[in-house]
C-alpha atoms as a PDB file:
ATOM      1  CA  MET A   1      -3.986 -22.374  -2.521  1.00  0.00           C
ATOM      2  CA  GLU A   2      -5.941 -18.831  -3.216  1.00  0.00           C
ATOM      3  CA  SER A   3      -4.445 -16.641  -5.969  1.00  0.00           C
ATOM      4  CA  ASN A   4      -3.961 -13.206  -4.984  1.00  0.00           C
ATOM      5  CA  LYS A   5      -5.530 -10.251  -7.974  1.00  0.00           C
ATOM      6  CA  LEU A   6      -3.676  -7.275  -7.575  1.00  0.00           C
ATOM      7  CA  ILE A   7      -5.478  -4.427  -7.633  1.00  0.00           C
ATOM      8  CA  ALA A   8      -3.278  -1.355  -6.895  1.00  0.00           C
ATOM      9  CA  LYS A   9       0.022  -0.706  -6.017  1.00  0.00           C
ATOM     10  CA  ASN A  10       1.557   2.337  -4.190  1.00  0.00           C
ATOM     11  CA  PRO A  11       4.451   3.284  -6.863  1.00  0.00           C
ATOM     12  CA  THR A  12       6.324   5.517  -3.979  1.00  0.00           C
ATOM     13  CA  ALA A  13       6.368   2.943  -1.356  1.00  0.00           C
ATOM     14  CA  TYR A  14       9.559   1.911  -2.482  1.00  0.00           C
ATOM     15  CA  HIS A  15      11.087   5.005  -3.815  1.00  0.00           C
ATOM     16  CA  ASN A  16      10.392   7.095  -0.536  1.00  0.00           C
ATOM     17  CA  TYR A  17      10.560   4.199   1.911  1.00  0.00           C
ATOM     18  CA  GLU A  18      13.210   1.309   3.254  1.00  0.00           C
ATOM     19  CA  ILE A  19      10.610  -1.490   3.743  1.00  0.00           C
ATOM     20  CA  LEU A  20      11.757  -3.695   6.782  1.00  0.00           C
ATOM     21  CA  GLU A  21       8.612  -5.194   7.378  1.00  0.00           C
ATOM     22  CA  LYS A  22       5.432  -6.217   5.760  1.00  0.00           C
ATOM     23  CA  ILE A  23       2.029  -7.386   7.241  1.00  0.00           C
ATOM     24  CA  GLU A  24      -1.252  -8.118   5.246  1.00  0.00           C
ATOM     25  CA  ALA A  25      -4.524  -6.396   6.527  1.00  0.00           C
ATOM     26  CA  GLY A  26      -8.150  -6.681   5.945  1.00  0.00           C
ATOM     27  CA  ILE A  27      -9.898  -3.442   5.341  1.00  0.00           C
ATOM     28  CA  VAL A  28     -13.768  -2.044   6.211  1.00  0.00           C
ATOM     29  CA  LEU A  29     -15.155  -1.110   2.677  1.00  0.00           C
ATOM     30  CA  TYR A  30     -19.154  -0.597   1.793  1.00  0.00           C
ATOM     31  CA  GLY A  31     -20.315  -2.141  -1.301  1.00  0.00           C
ATOM     32  CA  THR A  32     -19.812   0.639  -3.214  1.00  0.00           C
ATOM     33  CA  GLU A  33     -16.531   0.777  -2.688  1.00  0.00           C
ATOM     34  CA  ILE A  34     -16.159  -2.923  -3.458  1.00  0.00           C
ATOM     35  CA  LYS A  35     -17.891  -2.325  -6.724  1.00  0.00           C
ATOM     36  CA  SER A  36     -15.299   0.828  -7.683  1.00  0.00           C
ATOM     37  CA  ILE A  37     -12.750  -1.367  -6.692  1.00  0.00           C
ATOM     38  CA  ARG A  38     -13.707  -4.179  -9.020  1.00  0.00           C
ATOM     39  CA  ALA A  39     -13.582  -1.950 -11.496  1.00  0.00           C
ATOM     40  CA  GLY A  40      -9.825  -1.012 -10.618  1.00  0.00           C
ATOM     41  CA  LYS A  41     -10.410   2.641  -9.344  1.00  0.00           C
ATOM     42  CA  VAL A  42      -8.278   2.921  -6.432  1.00  0.00           C
ATOM     43  CA  ASN A  43      -5.425   4.802  -5.941  1.00  0.00           C
ATOM     44  CA  LEU A  44      -2.810   4.415  -3.215  1.00  0.00           C
ATOM     45  CA  LYS A  45      -0.169   7.127  -4.342  1.00  0.00           C
ATOM     46  CA  ASP A  46      -0.032   9.199  -1.216  1.00  0.00           C
ATOM     47  CA  SER A  47      -1.419   6.946   0.993  1.00  0.00           C
ATOM     48  CA  TYR A  48       0.244   6.409   4.626  1.00  0.00           C
ATOM     49  CA  ALA A  49      -1.735   4.453   7.621  1.00  0.00           C
ATOM     50  CA  SER A  50      -2.003   5.404  11.249  1.00  0.00           C
ATOM     51  CA  ILE A  51      -2.654   3.620  14.859  1.00  0.00           C
ATOM     52  CA  GLU A  52      -4.978   5.770  16.864  1.00  0.00           C
ATOM     53  CA  LYS A  53      -5.556   6.101  20.358  1.00  0.00           C
ATOM     54  CA  ASN A  54      -7.625   3.686  20.903  1.00  0.00           C
ATOM     55  CA  GLY A  55      -5.492   1.042  19.287  1.00  0.00           C
ATOM     56  CA  GLU A  56      -7.091   0.538  15.950  1.00  0.00           C
ATOM     57  CA  VAL A  57      -4.858   1.202  12.664  1.00  0.00           C
ATOM     58  CA  TYR A  58      -6.692   4.050   9.996  1.00  0.00           C
ATOM     59  CA  VAL A  59      -5.568   4.765   6.571  1.00  0.00           C
ATOM     60  CA  TYR A  60      -5.502   8.321   5.389  1.00  0.00           C
ATOM     61  CA  SER A  61      -5.700   9.619   1.406  1.00  0.00           C
ATOM     62  CA  MET A  62      -6.478   6.159  -0.258  1.00  0.00           C
ATOM     63  CA  HIS A  63      -8.739   7.147  -2.740  1.00  0.00           C
ATOM     64  CA  ILE A  64     -11.349   4.965  -4.085  1.00  0.00           C
ATOM     65  CA  SER A  65     -13.572   6.881  -6.649  1.00  0.00           C
ATOM     66  CA  PRO A  66     -17.279   7.276  -6.224  1.00  0.00           C
ATOM     67  CA  TYR A  67     -18.981   4.042  -8.456  1.00  0.00           C
ATOM     68  CA  ASP A  68     -21.001   5.343 -11.342  1.00  0.00           C
ATOM     69  CA  HIS A  69     -23.986   3.508 -10.599  1.00  0.00           C
ATOM     70  CA  GLY A  70     -23.981   4.534  -6.418  1.00  0.00           C
ATOM     71  CA  ASN A  71     -25.767   7.575  -6.546  1.00  0.00           C
ATOM     72  CA  ILE A  72     -26.671   8.318  -2.253  1.00  0.00           C
ATOM     73  CA  TYR A  73     -25.216   5.173  -1.508  1.00  0.00           C
ATOM     74  CA  ASN A  74     -21.781   6.234  -2.468  1.00  0.00           C
ATOM     75  CA  LYS A  75     -18.788   7.079  -0.028  1.00  0.00           C
ATOM     76  CA  ASP A  76     -16.285  10.265   0.469  1.00  0.00           C
ATOM     77  CA  PRO A  77     -13.772   9.205  -1.525  1.00  0.00           C
ATOM     78  CA  MET A  78     -10.882   9.996   0.778  1.00  0.00           C
ATOM     79  CA  ARG A  79     -12.467   8.791   4.009  1.00  0.00           C
ATOM     80  CA  PRO A  80     -10.316   7.143   6.396  1.00  0.00           C
ATOM     81  CA  LYS A  81     -10.479   3.234   6.186  1.00  0.00           C
ATOM     82  CA  LYS A  82     -10.136   1.282   9.324  1.00  0.00           C
ATOM     83  CA  LEU A  83      -7.559  -1.646   8.386  1.00  0.00           C
ATOM     84  CA  LEU A  84      -8.697  -4.980  10.451  1.00  0.00           C
ATOM     85  CA  LEU A  85      -5.720  -6.316  12.546  1.00  0.00           C
ATOM     86  CA  ASN A  86      -5.421  -8.552  15.511  1.00  0.00           C
ATOM     87  CA  LYS A  87      -4.345  -7.439  18.979  1.00  0.00           C
ATOM     88  CA  ARG A  88      -0.556  -8.823  18.437  1.00  0.00           C
ATOM     89  CA  GLU A  89      -0.455  -7.479  15.296  1.00  0.00           C
ATOM     90  CA  ILE A  90      -1.153  -4.208  16.391  1.00  0.00           C
ATOM     91  CA  ASN A  91       0.819  -4.051  19.472  1.00  0.00           C
ATOM     92  CA  LYS A  92       3.806  -5.238  17.310  1.00  0.00           C
ATOM     93  CA  LEU A  93       2.997  -1.888  14.705  1.00  0.00           C
ATOM     94  CA  ILE A  94       2.903  -0.051  17.780  1.00  0.00           C
ATOM     95  CA  GLY A  95       6.275  -0.561  19.190  1.00  0.00           C
ATOM     96  CA  MET A  96       8.225  -0.573  16.031  1.00  0.00           C
ATOM     97  CA  THR A  97       6.346   3.125  14.604  1.00  0.00           C
ATOM     98  CA  THR A  98       6.966   4.506  18.528  1.00  0.00           C
ATOM     99  CA  GLN A  99      10.216   3.331  19.235  1.00  0.00           C
ATOM    100  CA  LYS A 100      12.473   3.179  15.992  1.00  0.00           C
ATOM    101  CA  GLY A 101      10.343   6.078  14.377  1.00  0.00           C
ATOM    102  CA  TYR A 102       9.140   4.075  11.405  1.00  0.00           C
ATOM    103  CA  THR A 103       5.975   4.843   9.426  1.00  0.00           C
ATOM    104  CA  LEU A 104       3.331   2.431   7.941  1.00  0.00           C
ATOM    105  CA  VAL A 105       3.017   2.607   4.405  1.00  0.00           C
ATOM    106  CA  PRO A 106       0.222   0.587   2.539  1.00  0.00           C
ATOM    107  CA  ILE A 107       2.103  -1.040  -0.372  1.00  0.00           C
ATOM    108  CA  GLN A 108      -0.296  -2.785  -2.534  1.00  0.00           C
ATOM    109  CA  MET A 109      -3.986  -3.727  -2.346  1.00  0.00           C
ATOM    110  CA  TYR A 110      -5.340  -6.809  -3.694  1.00  0.00           C
ATOM    111  CA  PHE A 111      -8.123  -9.874  -3.583  1.00  0.00           C
ATOM    112  CA  LYS A 112      -7.580 -12.921  -1.526  1.00  0.00           C
ATOM    113  CA  GLY A 113     -10.509 -15.292  -2.450  1.00  0.00           C
ATOM    114  CA  ASN A 114     -13.614 -12.402  -2.255  1.00  0.00           C
ATOM    115  CA  PHE A 115     -11.723 -10.413   0.364  1.00  0.00           C
ATOM    116  CA  VAL A 116      -9.987  -7.178  -0.353  1.00  0.00           C
ATOM    117  CA  LYS A 117      -6.371  -7.325   1.699  1.00  0.00           C
ATOM    118  CA  VAL A 118      -4.115  -4.003   1.771  1.00  0.00           C
ATOM    119  CA  GLU A 119      -0.494  -5.128   2.529  1.00  0.00           C
ATOM    120  CA  LEU A 120       1.292  -2.579   4.919  1.00  0.00           C
ATOM    121  CA  GLY A 121       5.144  -1.872   4.902  1.00  0.00           C
ATOM    122  CA  VAL A 122       6.962  -1.137   8.195  1.00  0.00           C
ATOM    123  CA  GLY A 123       9.193   1.415   6.488  1.00  0.00           C
ATOM    124  CA  ARG A 124      11.851   3.987   7.428  1.00  0.00           C
ATOM    125  CA  GLY A 125      11.996   7.165   5.150  1.00  0.00           C
ATOM    126  CA  LYS A 126      15.040   7.279   2.690  1.00  0.00           C
ATOM    127  CA  LYS A 127      17.517  10.486   2.553  1.00  0.00           C
ATOM    128  CA  LEU A 128      17.927  11.845  -1.019  1.00  0.00           C
ATOM    129  CA  TYR A 129      21.340  10.464  -1.373  1.00  0.00           C
ATOM    130  CA  ASP A 130      19.713   7.091  -1.088  1.00  0.00           C
ATOM    131  CA  LYS A 131      16.728   7.515  -3.650  1.00  0.00           C
ATOM    132  CA  ARG A 132      19.582   8.872  -6.003  1.00  0.00           C
ATOM    133  CA  GLU A 133      21.873   5.973  -5.771  1.00  0.00           C
ATOM    134  CA  ASP A 134      18.537   3.518  -6.109  1.00  0.00           C
ATOM    135  CA  LEU A 135      17.594   5.271  -9.487  1.00  0.00           C
ATOM    136  CA  LYS A 136      21.607   4.941 -10.380  1.00  0.00           C
ATOM    137  CA  LYS A 137      21.071   1.168  -9.611  1.00  0.00           C
ATOM    138  CA  LYS A 138      18.321   0.672 -11.693  1.00  0.00           C
ATOM    139  CA  GLU A 139      19.468   2.601 -14.685  1.00  0.00           C
ATOM    140  CA  ALA A 140      22.952   0.568 -14.516  1.00  0.00           C
ATOM    141  CA  GLU A 141      20.859  -2.888 -14.169  1.00  0.00           C
ATOM    142  CA  ARG A 142      18.862  -1.387 -17.118  1.00  0.00           C
ATOM    143  CA  LYS A 143      21.813  -0.645 -19.336  1.00  0.00           C
ATOM    144  CA  ILE A 144      23.200  -4.086 -18.881  1.00  0.00           C
ATOM    145  CA  ASP A 145      20.173  -5.959 -19.698  1.00  0.00           C
ATOM    146  CA  ARG A 146      19.853  -3.940 -22.707  1.00  0.00           C
ATOM    147  CA  TYR A 147      23.341  -4.659 -23.818  1.00  0.00           C
ATOM    148  CA  LEU A 148      22.765  -8.563 -23.022  1.00  0.00           C
ATOM    149  CA  LYS A 149      19.683  -8.264 -25.120  1.00  0.00           C
ATOM    150  CA  GLU A 150      21.682  -6.307 -28.475  1.00  0.00           C
ATOM    151  CA  ARG A 151      24.299  -9.133 -27.779  1.00  0.00           C
ATOM    152  CA  ASN A 152      22.418 -12.140 -27.827  1.00  0.00           C
ATOM    153  CA  ALA A 153      20.011 -11.031 -30.391  1.00  0.00           C
END
């Protein structure tokens, strides 16, 4: 059993989207990008994925900082990065995103063995009132936890 070492999470994924299904995908990277990822210099905050006309899936707006010692081998930090999925998974994603109007959102990035994997979520955008309700629920849970902690101490 391989342990997954978390690299980065998308902090706004669960806030802005109702994630209905998750799928694991590999990602095409270059050497200096891997070194930068190992240093933890990745930002998934505003990133999103889309399926191109040729049937390939790309992640956009994922920022991987240039490697400090990379000089001429550094790639553009905001370049679109290709995701590695099999045909059946891509067809499933095409069906969900076109018919039901869902979007693909990178949720987290992690190491699985020596490989970098991206967890994609198929989600529907939340309305403003849904976001407010979620914040109210979280605040209520925090208050309950604080109260129980004070009571047990």
